[in-house]
């Protein structure tokens, strides 16, 4: 597989069995390599539920949700570090040259859904701070110095100021949400979940971050 143009595929694996894996697809040759991480690391397992990844300074940060960790590799998927101390990590959003937010899912047995965004120093591979946030935080985007966070348990998108790492606002959607993207005009688009109980259809919502 060529390294100039490739598609990286996160395979979650079976929950609880630690069978997460990485596949690499080459669109030019139509070839695919499965278990790319294991092959590059003496058949070592990635862990349990490969949720997402991001690239920073030539390194990959692989989020293993149920393993409560992030694996760091080089461009050839050679293991460099393992970062632990997460709650139940989902997605990474870069917010500066060395800082990222990590969203989390936490399901309390008592019904308490208080959660945290954990702040990661991308240079030292350490968790430096937490931001308390209700519910199940999912995907995020950054715009004009703020990070917009979707939520699978609350009907809001939460807004965090990246300078002081504080929640400064929330946008009511009347629906839970998970997927969020930013277009070329800096507008934010959110995929809202359907609510069959209240007869509300799934829909797209646009937010002007200004």
C-alpha atoms as a PDB file:
ATOM      1  CA  UNK A   1       0.000   0.000   0.000  1.00  0.00           C
ATOM      2  CA  UNK A   2       1.376   3.403  -0.932  1.00  0.00           C
ATOM      3  CA  UNK A   3       1.871   6.016   1.805  1.00  0.00           C
ATOM      4  CA  UNK A   4       1.126   8.990  -0.445  1.00  0.00           C
ATOM      5  CA  UNK A   5      -2.614   8.422  -0.597  1.00  0.00           C
ATOM      6  CA  UNK A   6      -4.459   6.080   1.691  1.00  0.00           C
ATOM      7  CA  UNK A   7      -7.666   5.675   3.648  1.00  0.00           C
ATOM      8  CA  UNK A   8      -7.402   4.560   7.276  1.00  0.00           C
ATOM      9  CA  UNK A   9     -10.351   2.533   8.571  1.00  0.00           C
ATOM     10  CA  UNK A  10     -11.056   2.105  12.284  1.00  0.00           C
ATOM     11  CA  UNK A  11     -12.582  -1.296  13.007  1.00  0.00           C
ATOM     12  CA  UNK A  12     -14.230  -1.222  16.433  1.00  0.00           C
ATOM     13  CA  UNK A  13     -14.170  -4.995  16.933  1.00  0.00           C
ATOM     14  CA  UNK A  14     -16.410  -6.922  19.334  1.00  0.00           C
ATOM     15  CA  UNK A  15     -17.213  -4.961  22.489  1.00  0.00           C
ATOM     16  CA  UNK A  16     -15.433  -6.464  25.481  1.00  0.00           C
ATOM     17  CA  UNK A  17     -13.210  -8.814  23.467  1.00  0.00           C
ATOM     18  CA  UNK A  18     -10.332  -6.473  22.605  1.00  0.00           C
ATOM     19  CA  UNK A  19     -10.496  -7.163  18.868  1.00  0.00           C
ATOM     20  CA  UNK A  20     -10.155  -3.590  17.553  1.00  0.00           C
ATOM     21  CA  UNK A  21      -8.032  -3.314  14.414  1.00  0.00           C
ATOM     22  CA  UNK A  22      -6.805  -0.934  11.727  1.00  0.00           C
ATOM     23  CA  UNK A  23      -7.277  -1.397   7.977  1.00  0.00           C
ATOM     24  CA  UNK A  24      -5.442   0.605   5.311  1.00  0.00           C
ATOM     25  CA  UNK A  25      -7.045   1.054   1.881  1.00  0.00           C
ATOM     26  CA  UNK A  26      -5.171   2.275  -1.194  1.00  0.00           C
ATOM     27  CA  UNK A  27      -7.673   3.865  -3.635  1.00  0.00           C
ATOM     28  CA  UNK A  28      -5.143   3.830  -6.470  1.00  0.00           C
ATOM     29  CA  UNK A  29      -4.497   0.080  -6.441  1.00  0.00           C
ATOM     30  CA  UNK A  30      -7.807  -0.889  -4.795  1.00  0.00           C
ATOM     31  CA  UNK A  31      -5.752  -2.888  -2.323  1.00  0.00           C
ATOM     32  CA  UNK A  32      -6.350  -3.232   1.405  1.00  0.00           C
ATOM     33  CA  UNK A  33      -4.201  -4.280   4.347  1.00  0.00           C
ATOM     34  CA  UNK A  34      -6.033  -5.509   7.424  1.00  0.00           C
ATOM     35  CA  UNK A  35      -4.596  -5.624  10.954  1.00  0.00           C
ATOM     36  CA  UNK A  36      -2.037  -2.970  10.008  1.00  0.00           C
ATOM     37  CA  UNK A  37      -1.282  -2.008  13.607  1.00  0.00           C
ATOM     38  CA  UNK A  38      -0.829  -5.571  14.804  1.00  0.00           C
ATOM     39  CA  UNK A  39       1.419  -6.373  11.852  1.00  0.00           C
ATOM     40  CA  UNK A  40       3.637  -3.392  12.652  1.00  0.00           C
ATOM     41  CA  UNK A  41       3.855  -4.256  16.355  1.00  0.00           C
ATOM     42  CA  UNK A  42       4.609  -7.980  16.666  1.00  0.00           C
ATOM     43  CA  UNK A  43       0.915  -8.967  16.556  1.00  0.00           C
ATOM     44  CA  UNK A  44       0.083  -6.781  19.549  1.00  0.00           C
ATOM     45  CA  UNK A  45      -3.632  -6.002  19.960  1.00  0.00           C
ATOM     46  CA  UNK A  46      -4.795  -2.378  19.794  1.00  0.00           C
ATOM     47  CA  UNK A  47      -7.408  -2.937  22.502  1.00  0.00           C
ATOM     48  CA  UNK A  48     -11.167  -2.727  22.862  1.00  0.00           C
ATOM     49  CA  UNK A  49     -13.294  -0.582  20.494  1.00  0.00           C
ATOM     50  CA  UNK A  50     -11.253   1.611  18.136  1.00  0.00           C
ATOM     51  CA  UNK A  51     -13.560   4.625  18.132  1.00  0.00           C
ATOM     52  CA  UNK A  52     -11.636   7.298  16.168  1.00  0.00           C
ATOM     53  CA  UNK A  53      -8.237   8.815  15.468  1.00  0.00           C
ATOM     54  CA  UNK A  54      -6.537  12.095  14.649  1.00  0.00           C
ATOM     55  CA  UNK A  55      -3.185  13.073  13.149  1.00  0.00           C
ATOM     56  CA  UNK A  56      -0.856  15.601  14.781  1.00  0.00           C
ATOM     57  CA  UNK A  57       2.790  16.457  13.994  1.00  0.00           C
ATOM     58  CA  UNK A  58       3.234  13.338  11.880  1.00  0.00           C
ATOM     59  CA  UNK A  59       1.879  11.057  14.606  1.00  0.00           C
ATOM     60  CA  UNK A  60      -1.441   9.240  14.906  1.00  0.00           C
ATOM     61  CA  UNK A  61      -3.541   9.262  18.060  1.00  0.00           C
ATOM     62  CA  UNK A  62      -5.857   6.214  18.175  1.00  0.00           C
ATOM     63  CA  UNK A  63      -8.804   6.381  20.591  1.00  0.00           C
ATOM     64  CA  UNK A  64      -9.670   3.029  22.221  1.00  0.00           C
ATOM     65  CA  UNK A  65     -13.023   3.637  23.886  1.00  0.00           C
ATOM     66  CA  UNK A  66     -13.607   0.617  26.111  1.00  0.00           C
ATOM     67  CA  UNK A  67      -9.885   0.274  26.860  1.00  0.00           C
ATOM     68  CA  UNK A  68      -9.958   3.840  28.262  1.00  0.00           C
ATOM     69  CA  UNK A  69      -6.741   4.765  26.481  1.00  0.00           C
ATOM     70  CA  UNK A  70      -5.193   6.466  23.469  1.00  0.00           C
ATOM     71  CA  UNK A  71      -2.385   4.819  21.529  1.00  0.00           C
ATOM     72  CA  UNK A  72       0.202   6.998  19.769  1.00  0.00           C
ATOM     73  CA  UNK A  73       2.009   5.698  16.670  1.00  0.00           C
ATOM     74  CA  UNK A  74       4.252   7.032  13.930  1.00  0.00           C
ATOM     75  CA  UNK A  75       3.137   7.188  10.283  1.00  0.00           C
ATOM     76  CA  UNK A  76       4.011   3.514   9.856  1.00  0.00           C
ATOM     77  CA  UNK A  77       1.802   2.590  12.834  1.00  0.00           C
ATOM     78  CA  UNK A  78       4.750   1.708  15.086  1.00  0.00           C
ATOM     79  CA  UNK A  79       3.722   2.121  18.731  1.00  0.00           C
ATOM     80  CA  UNK A  80       5.259   5.159  20.432  1.00  0.00           C
ATOM     81  CA  UNK A  81       3.195   5.665  23.585  1.00  0.00           C
ATOM     82  CA  UNK A  82       0.014   4.721  25.421  1.00  0.00           C
ATOM     83  CA  UNK A  83      -1.947   7.433  27.230  1.00  0.00           C
ATOM     84  CA  UNK A  84      -4.204   6.269  30.070  1.00  0.00           C
ATOM     85  CA  UNK A  85      -6.456   7.956  32.619  1.00  0.00           C
ATOM     86  CA  UNK A  86      -9.457   8.575  30.357  1.00  0.00           C
ATOM     87  CA  UNK A  87     -13.071   7.961  31.360  1.00  0.00           C
ATOM     88  CA  UNK A  88     -14.392   6.409  28.155  1.00  0.00           C
ATOM     89  CA  UNK A  89     -12.780   8.348  25.282  1.00  0.00           C
ATOM     90  CA  UNK A  90     -14.653   8.967  22.040  1.00  0.00           C
ATOM     91  CA  UNK A  91     -13.156  11.725  19.854  1.00  0.00           C
ATOM     92  CA  UNK A  92     -10.197  14.139  19.797  1.00  0.00           C
ATOM     93  CA  UNK A  93     -10.446  17.793  18.745  1.00  0.00           C
ATOM     94  CA  UNK A  94      -7.248  19.801  18.291  1.00  0.00           C
ATOM     95  CA  UNK A  95      -7.624  23.304  19.728  1.00  0.00           C
ATOM     96  CA  UNK A  96      -4.044  24.667  19.580  1.00  0.00           C
ATOM     97  CA  UNK A  97      -0.503  23.667  18.642  1.00  0.00           C
ATOM     98  CA  UNK A  98      -0.229  21.288  21.581  1.00  0.00           C
ATOM     99  CA  UNK A  99      -3.685  21.011  23.174  1.00  0.00           C
ATOM    100  CA  UNK A 100      -6.655  18.804  22.358  1.00  0.00           C
ATOM    101  CA  UNK A 101     -10.057  18.044  23.866  1.00  0.00           C
ATOM    102  CA  UNK A 102     -11.127  14.418  24.331  1.00  0.00           C
ATOM    103  CA  UNK A 103     -14.863  13.698  24.587  1.00  0.00           C
ATOM    104  CA  UNK A 104     -16.137  10.902  26.802  1.00  0.00           C
ATOM    105  CA  UNK A 105     -19.070   8.635  27.415  1.00  0.00           C
ATOM    106  CA  UNK A 106     -19.879   7.846  31.038  1.00  0.00           C
ATOM    107  CA  UNK A 107     -22.935   5.835  32.026  1.00  0.00           C
ATOM    108  CA  UNK A 108     -23.541   6.005  35.759  1.00  0.00           C
ATOM    109  CA  UNK A 109     -25.419   3.101  37.370  1.00  0.00           C
ATOM    110  CA  UNK A 110     -27.399   5.626  39.405  1.00  0.00           C
ATOM    111  CA  UNK A 111     -28.553   7.478  36.296  1.00  0.00           C
ATOM    112  CA  UNK A 112     -26.106  10.336  36.832  1.00  0.00           C
ATOM    113  CA  UNK A 113     -24.838  11.449  33.432  1.00  0.00           C
ATOM    114  CA  UNK A 114     -22.309  14.076  34.574  1.00  0.00           C
ATOM    115  CA  UNK A 115     -19.338  13.821  32.262  1.00  0.00           C
ATOM    116  CA  UNK A 116     -16.024  15.452  31.462  1.00  0.00           C
ATOM    117  CA  UNK A 117     -14.088  16.729  28.489  1.00  0.00           C
ATOM    118  CA  UNK A 118     -10.485  15.816  29.225  1.00  0.00           C
ATOM    119  CA  UNK A 119      -7.702  18.107  28.032  1.00  0.00           C
ATOM    120  CA  UNK A 120      -4.701  16.394  26.478  1.00  0.00           C
ATOM    121  CA  UNK A 121      -1.209  17.851  26.055  1.00  0.00           C
ATOM    122  CA  UNK A 122      -0.264  16.427  22.664  1.00  0.00           C
ATOM    123  CA  UNK A 123       3.467  16.951  23.215  1.00  0.00           C
ATOM    124  CA  UNK A 124       3.823  15.332  26.629  1.00  0.00           C
ATOM    125  CA  UNK A 125       0.965  12.817  26.201  1.00  0.00           C
ATOM    126  CA  UNK A 126      -0.566  13.786  29.544  1.00  0.00           C
ATOM    127  CA  UNK A 127      -4.059  14.756  30.712  1.00  0.00           C
ATOM    128  CA  UNK A 128      -3.741  18.236  32.176  1.00  0.00           C
ATOM    129  CA  UNK A 129      -7.291  19.292  33.070  1.00  0.00           C
ATOM    130  CA  UNK A 130     -10.984  18.404  32.877  1.00  0.00           C
ATOM    131  CA  UNK A 131     -14.080  20.373  31.871  1.00  0.00           C
ATOM    132  CA  UNK A 132     -17.320  19.245  33.501  1.00  0.00           C
ATOM    133  CA  UNK A 133     -20.109  18.672  30.991  1.00  0.00           C
ATOM    134  CA  UNK A 134     -23.515  17.032  31.407  1.00  0.00           C
ATOM    135  CA  UNK A 135     -24.387  13.975  29.364  1.00  0.00           C
ATOM    136  CA  UNK A 136     -22.508  11.936  26.784  1.00  0.00           C
ATOM    137  CA  UNK A 137     -20.141  14.149  24.779  1.00  0.00           C
ATOM    138  CA  UNK A 138     -19.408  13.064  21.204  1.00  0.00           C
ATOM    139  CA  UNK A 139     -17.963  14.764  18.103  1.00  0.00           C
ATOM    140  CA  UNK A 140     -16.579  18.308  18.197  1.00  0.00           C
ATOM    141  CA  UNK A 141     -15.456  21.114  15.881  1.00  0.00           C
ATOM    142  CA  UNK A 142     -13.480  24.291  16.548  1.00  0.00           C
ATOM    143  CA  UNK A 143     -14.469  27.702  15.176  1.00  0.00           C
ATOM    144  CA  UNK A 144     -13.396  31.248  16.098  1.00  0.00           C
ATOM    145  CA  UNK A 145     -11.745  30.140  19.329  1.00  0.00           C
ATOM    146  CA  UNK A 146     -14.662  28.010  20.508  1.00  0.00           C
ATOM    147  CA  UNK A 147     -15.266  24.270  20.424  1.00  0.00           C
ATOM    148  CA  UNK A 148     -18.810  23.073  19.723  1.00  0.00           C
ATOM    149  CA  UNK A 149     -19.582  19.737  21.405  1.00  0.00           C
ATOM    150  CA  UNK A 150     -22.452  17.405  20.460  1.00  0.00           C
ATOM    151  CA  UNK A 151     -24.250  15.382  23.115  1.00  0.00           C
ATOM    152  CA  UNK A 152     -26.063  12.038  22.965  1.00  0.00           C
ATOM    153  CA  UNK A 153     -27.960  12.553  26.226  1.00  0.00           C
ATOM    154  CA  UNK A 154     -28.808  16.266  26.216  1.00  0.00           C
ATOM    155  CA  UNK A 155     -30.653  18.358  23.614  1.00  0.00           C
ATOM    156  CA  UNK A 156     -27.911  20.967  23.464  1.00  0.00           C
ATOM    157  CA  UNK A 157     -24.657  21.662  21.690  1.00  0.00           C
ATOM    158  CA  UNK A 158     -22.224  22.997  24.268  1.00  0.00           C
ATOM    159  CA  UNK A 159     -19.714  25.759  23.510  1.00  0.00           C
ATOM    160  CA  UNK A 160     -16.274  25.796  25.172  1.00  0.00           C
ATOM    161  CA  UNK A 161     -13.843  28.721  25.015  1.00  0.00           C
ATOM    162  CA  UNK A 162     -10.431  27.302  24.153  1.00  0.00           C
ATOM    163  CA  UNK A 163      -8.468  30.052  25.911  1.00  0.00           C
ATOM    164  CA  UNK A 164      -9.830  29.433  29.414  1.00  0.00           C
ATOM    165  CA  UNK A 165     -11.290  25.945  28.803  1.00  0.00           C
ATOM    166  CA  UNK A 166     -14.687  26.933  30.194  1.00  0.00           C
ATOM    167  CA  UNK A 167     -18.210  26.248  28.955  1.00  0.00           C
ATOM    168  CA  UNK A 168     -19.447  29.672  27.840  1.00  0.00           C
ATOM    169  CA  UNK A 169     -22.696  28.881  26.066  1.00  0.00           C
ATOM    170  CA  UNK A 170     -25.119  26.206  24.858  1.00  0.00           C
ATOM    171  CA  UNK A 171     -27.390  25.993  21.822  1.00  0.00           C
ATOM    172  CA  UNK A 172     -30.762  24.284  22.263  1.00  0.00           C
ATOM    173  CA  UNK A 173     -31.531  21.862  19.411  1.00  0.00           C
ATOM    174  CA  UNK A 174     -34.563  20.081  20.857  1.00  0.00           C
ATOM    175  CA  UNK A 175     -32.767  16.859  19.954  1.00  0.00           C
ATOM    176  CA  UNK A 176     -29.731  14.849  20.927  1.00  0.00           C
ATOM    177  CA  UNK A 177     -26.831  14.819  18.462  1.00  0.00           C
ATOM    178  CA  UNK A 178     -23.592  13.050  17.650  1.00  0.00           C
ATOM    179  CA  UNK A 179     -22.250  14.157  14.242  1.00  0.00           C
ATOM    180  CA  UNK A 180     -20.915  17.655  13.581  1.00  0.00           C
ATOM    181  CA  UNK A 181     -18.899  19.177  10.716  1.00  0.00           C
ATOM    182  CA  UNK A 182     -17.723  22.621   9.592  1.00  0.00           C
ATOM    183  CA  UNK A 183     -18.105  23.748   5.984  1.00  0.00           C
ATOM    184  CA  UNK A 184     -15.839  25.982   3.868  1.00  0.00           C
ATOM    185  CA  UNK A 185     -17.781  29.071   4.971  1.00  0.00           C
ATOM    186  CA  UNK A 186     -17.114  28.297   8.666  1.00  0.00           C
ATOM    187  CA  UNK A 187     -20.761  27.360   9.195  1.00  0.00           C
ATOM    188  CA  UNK A 188     -21.408  24.421  11.518  1.00  0.00           C
ATOM    189  CA  UNK A 189     -23.754  21.558  10.608  1.00  0.00           C
ATOM    190  CA  UNK A 190     -25.160  19.130  13.162  1.00  0.00           C
ATOM    191  CA  UNK A 191     -27.009  15.871  12.550  1.00  0.00           C
ATOM    192  CA  UNK A 192     -29.889  15.709  15.054  1.00  0.00           C
ATOM    193  CA  UNK A 193     -31.343  12.380  16.143  1.00  0.00           C
ATOM    194  CA  UNK A 194     -35.008  11.523  15.643  1.00  0.00           C
ATOM    195  CA  UNK A 195     -37.346  11.513  18.650  1.00  0.00           C
ATOM    196  CA  UNK A 196     -40.126   9.032  17.897  1.00  0.00           C
ATOM    197  CA  UNK A 197     -41.804   9.572  21.277  1.00  0.00           C
ATOM    198  CA  UNK A 198     -42.414  13.241  20.513  1.00  0.00           C
ATOM    199  CA  UNK A 199     -42.884  12.717  16.745  1.00  0.00           C
ATOM    200  CA  UNK A 200     -39.761  14.720  15.845  1.00  0.00           C
ATOM    201  CA  UNK A 201     -37.924  13.662  12.681  1.00  0.00           C
ATOM    202  CA  UNK A 202     -34.164  13.510  12.268  1.00  0.00           C
ATOM    203  CA  UNK A 203     -32.788  16.688  10.731  1.00  0.00           C
ATOM    204  CA  UNK A 204     -29.760  18.849   9.975  1.00  0.00           C
ATOM    205  CA  UNK A 205     -29.246  22.071  11.929  1.00  0.00           C
ATOM    206  CA  UNK A 206     -26.941  24.888  10.834  1.00  0.00           C
ATOM    207  CA  UNK A 207     -25.214  27.136  13.379  1.00  0.00           C
ATOM    208  CA  UNK A 208     -23.443  30.374  12.599  1.00  0.00           C
ATOM    209  CA  UNK A 209     -20.521  30.324  15.061  1.00  0.00           C
ATOM    210  CA  UNK A 210     -20.297  34.124  15.046  1.00  0.00           C
END
